[in-house]
Amino acid sequence: MSVENNKQDVTVVDIKMPFLSMVVFMVKFVIASIPAFVILSIIFGVLMMFFGGMFHGMGR
């Protein structure tokens, strides 16, 4: 017997969540995204320094 025969499709129709709980969840999400933004900014800055230094002398 295959495992795929026992698989059922599920569709989420509605999520009931109190407004205050949703606000708390969104605030936690924003606070958790700050370190990710800092890490991406550092990576972007390093890439810009690398490509800026590499292409700096091309216009001369």
N, C-alpha and C. Protein backbone atom coordinates (compact mmCIF):
# COMPACT_ATOMS: atom_id res chain seq x y z
N MET A 1 0.84 -1.17 0.00
CA MET A 1 0.00 0.00 0.00
C MET A 1 0.89 1.24 0.00
N SER A 2 0.60 2.18 -0.85
CA SER A 2 1.39 3.39 -0.98
C SER A 2 0.96 4.45 0.02
N VAL A 3 1.90 5.28 0.41
CA VAL A 3 1.59 6.36 1.36
C VAL A 3 0.73 7.42 0.68
N GLU A 4 0.88 7.60 -0.63
CA GLU A 4 0.14 8.65 -1.34
C GLU A 4 -1.36 8.37 -1.37
N ASN A 5 -1.77 7.14 -1.21
CA ASN A 5 -3.20 6.82 -1.21
C ASN A 5 -3.90 7.38 0.02
N ASN A 6 -3.16 7.60 1.11
CA ASN A 6 -3.75 8.10 2.35
C ASN A 6 -3.69 9.62 2.45
N LYS A 7 -3.17 10.28 1.43
CA LYS A 7 -2.99 11.73 1.47
C LYS A 7 -4.33 12.43 1.22
N GLN A 8 -4.60 13.47 2.03
CA GLN A 8 -5.82 14.25 1.87
C GLN A 8 -5.46 15.71 1.63
N ASP A 9 -6.17 16.36 0.72
CA ASP A 9 -5.96 17.78 0.47
C ASP A 9 -6.75 18.60 1.49
N VAL A 10 -6.13 19.68 1.95
CA VAL A 10 -6.76 20.55 2.95
C VAL A 10 -6.78 21.97 2.42
N THR A 11 -7.89 22.66 2.56
CA THR A 11 -8.01 24.06 2.17
C THR A 11 -8.42 24.87 3.39
N VAL A 12 -7.62 25.90 3.71
CA VAL A 12 -7.94 26.77 4.83
C VAL A 12 -8.89 27.85 4.33
N VAL A 13 -10.05 27.93 4.96
CA VAL A 13 -11.08 28.87 4.52
C VAL A 13 -11.07 30.15 5.35
N ASP A 14 -10.85 30.03 6.66
CA ASP A 14 -10.93 31.21 7.52
C ASP A 14 -10.05 30.99 8.75
N ILE A 15 -9.48 32.08 9.23
CA ILE A 15 -8.72 32.05 10.48
C ILE A 15 -9.37 33.06 11.41
N LYS A 16 -9.84 32.58 12.54
CA LYS A 16 -10.46 33.48 13.51
C LYS A 16 -9.44 33.79 14.59
N MET A 17 -9.09 35.07 14.68
CA MET A 17 -8.07 35.49 15.63
C MET A 17 -8.50 36.84 16.21
N PRO A 18 -8.49 36.99 17.52
CA PRO A 18 -8.86 38.29 18.10
C PRO A 18 -7.92 39.40 17.64
N PHE A 19 -8.45 40.62 17.56
CA PHE A 19 -7.68 41.74 17.03
C PHE A 19 -6.43 42.01 17.85
N LEU A 20 -6.54 42.00 19.17
CA LEU A 20 -5.38 42.28 20.03
C LEU A 20 -4.29 41.22 19.85
N SER A 21 -4.68 39.97 19.71
CA SER A 21 -3.69 38.92 19.47
C SER A 21 -2.99 39.12 18.14
N MET A 22 -3.73 39.58 17.13
CA MET A 22 -3.14 39.83 15.83
C MET A 22 -2.15 41.00 15.89
N VAL A 23 -2.48 42.04 16.65
CA VAL A 23 -1.58 43.18 16.81
C VAL A 23 -0.30 42.74 17.52
N VAL A 24 -0.41 41.95 18.56
CA VAL A 24 0.77 41.46 19.29
C VAL A 24 1.62 40.60 18.36
N PHE A 25 0.99 39.74 17.55
CA PHE A 25 1.72 38.91 16.61
C PHE A 25 2.47 39.76 15.59
N MET A 26 1.83 40.81 15.08
CA MET A 26 2.47 41.66 14.07
C MET A 26 3.63 42.45 14.68
N VAL A 27 3.50 42.91 15.92
CA VAL A 27 4.59 43.62 16.58
C VAL A 27 5.78 42.69 16.80
N LYS A 28 5.52 41.46 17.21
CA LYS A 28 6.60 40.48 17.38
C LYS A 28 7.27 40.18 16.04
N PHE A 29 6.50 40.11 14.97
CA PHE A 29 7.04 39.86 13.64
C PHE A 29 7.95 40.99 13.20
N VAL A 30 7.54 42.23 13.45
CA VAL A 30 8.36 43.39 13.08
C VAL A 30 9.66 43.40 13.89
N ILE A 31 9.58 43.13 15.18
CA ILE A 31 10.78 43.10 16.02
C ILE A 31 11.72 41.98 15.58
N ALA A 32 11.16 40.84 15.19
CA ALA A 32 11.99 39.72 14.75
C ALA A 32 12.64 39.98 13.40
N SER A 33 12.06 40.87 12.58
CA SER A 33 12.62 41.13 11.25
C SER A 33 13.77 42.14 11.29
N ILE A 34 13.97 42.84 12.39
CA ILE A 34 15.05 43.83 12.49
C ILE A 34 16.43 43.19 12.33
N PRO A 35 16.76 42.08 13.01
CA PRO A 35 18.08 41.47 12.78
C PRO A 35 18.28 41.01 11.34
N ALA A 36 17.23 40.51 10.72
CA ALA A 36 17.35 40.09 9.31
C ALA A 36 17.66 41.29 8.43
N PHE A 37 17.03 42.43 8.69
CA PHE A 37 17.31 43.64 7.92
C PHE A 37 18.75 44.10 8.12
N VAL A 38 19.24 44.02 9.34
CA VAL A 38 20.62 44.41 9.62
C VAL A 38 21.60 43.51 8.87
N ILE A 39 21.36 42.20 8.91
CA ILE A 39 22.23 41.26 8.22
C ILE A 39 22.22 41.51 6.71
N LEU A 40 21.03 41.72 6.13
CA LEU A 40 20.95 42.00 4.69
C LEU A 40 21.63 43.32 4.34
N SER A 41 21.54 44.31 5.21
CA SER A 41 22.20 45.59 4.96
C SER A 41 23.71 45.42 4.95
N ILE A 42 24.24 44.63 5.87
CA ILE A 42 25.68 44.39 5.92
C ILE A 42 26.14 43.67 4.65
N ILE A 43 25.40 42.64 4.24
CA ILE A 43 25.76 41.90 3.03
C ILE A 43 25.71 42.82 1.81
N PHE A 44 24.67 43.64 1.71
CA PHE A 44 24.54 44.57 0.59
C PHE A 44 25.68 45.58 0.59
N GLY A 45 26.05 46.08 1.77
CA GLY A 45 27.15 47.04 1.87
C GLY A 45 28.48 46.44 1.44
N VAL A 46 28.74 45.20 1.85
CA VAL A 46 29.98 44.52 1.45
C VAL A 46 30.01 44.32 -0.06
N LEU A 47 28.89 43.92 -0.64
CA LEU A 47 28.84 43.75 -2.10
C LEU A 47 29.05 45.07 -2.82
N MET A 48 28.46 46.14 -2.32
CA MET A 48 28.63 47.45 -2.96
C MET A 48 30.08 47.93 -2.85
N MET A 49 30.73 47.67 -1.71
CA MET A 49 32.15 48.03 -1.59
C MET A 49 33.00 47.24 -2.58
N PHE A 50 32.69 45.95 -2.72
CA PHE A 50 33.45 45.10 -3.63
C PHE A 50 33.29 45.58 -5.07
N PHE A 51 32.04 45.73 -5.52
CA PHE A 51 31.80 46.14 -6.90
C PHE A 51 32.19 47.60 -7.14
N GLY A 52 32.04 48.45 -6.13
CA GLY A 52 32.48 49.84 -6.27
C GLY A 52 33.98 49.94 -6.43
N GLY A 53 34.71 49.14 -5.67
CA GLY A 53 36.16 49.14 -5.81
C GLY A 53 36.61 48.51 -7.11
N MET A 54 35.89 47.53 -7.56
CA MET A 54 36.27 46.84 -8.79
C MET A 54 36.01 47.71 -10.03
N PHE A 55 34.92 48.46 -10.03
CA PHE A 55 34.56 49.25 -11.20
C PHE A 55 34.91 50.74 -11.06
N HIS A 56 35.62 51.09 -10.00
CA HIS A 56 35.93 52.50 -9.74
C HIS A 56 36.75 53.15 -10.86
N GLY A 57 37.74 52.46 -11.37
CA GLY A 57 38.62 53.03 -12.35
C GLY A 57 38.16 52.89 -13.79
N MET A 58 36.99 52.36 -14.03
CA MET A 58 36.56 52.12 -15.40
C MET A 58 36.20 53.39 -16.15
N GLY A 59 35.79 54.45 -15.45
CA GLY A 59 35.35 55.66 -16.12
C GLY A 59 36.47 56.62 -16.45
N ARG A 60 37.68 56.29 -16.10
CA ARG A 60 38.81 57.21 -16.31
C ARG A 60 39.50 56.96 -17.60
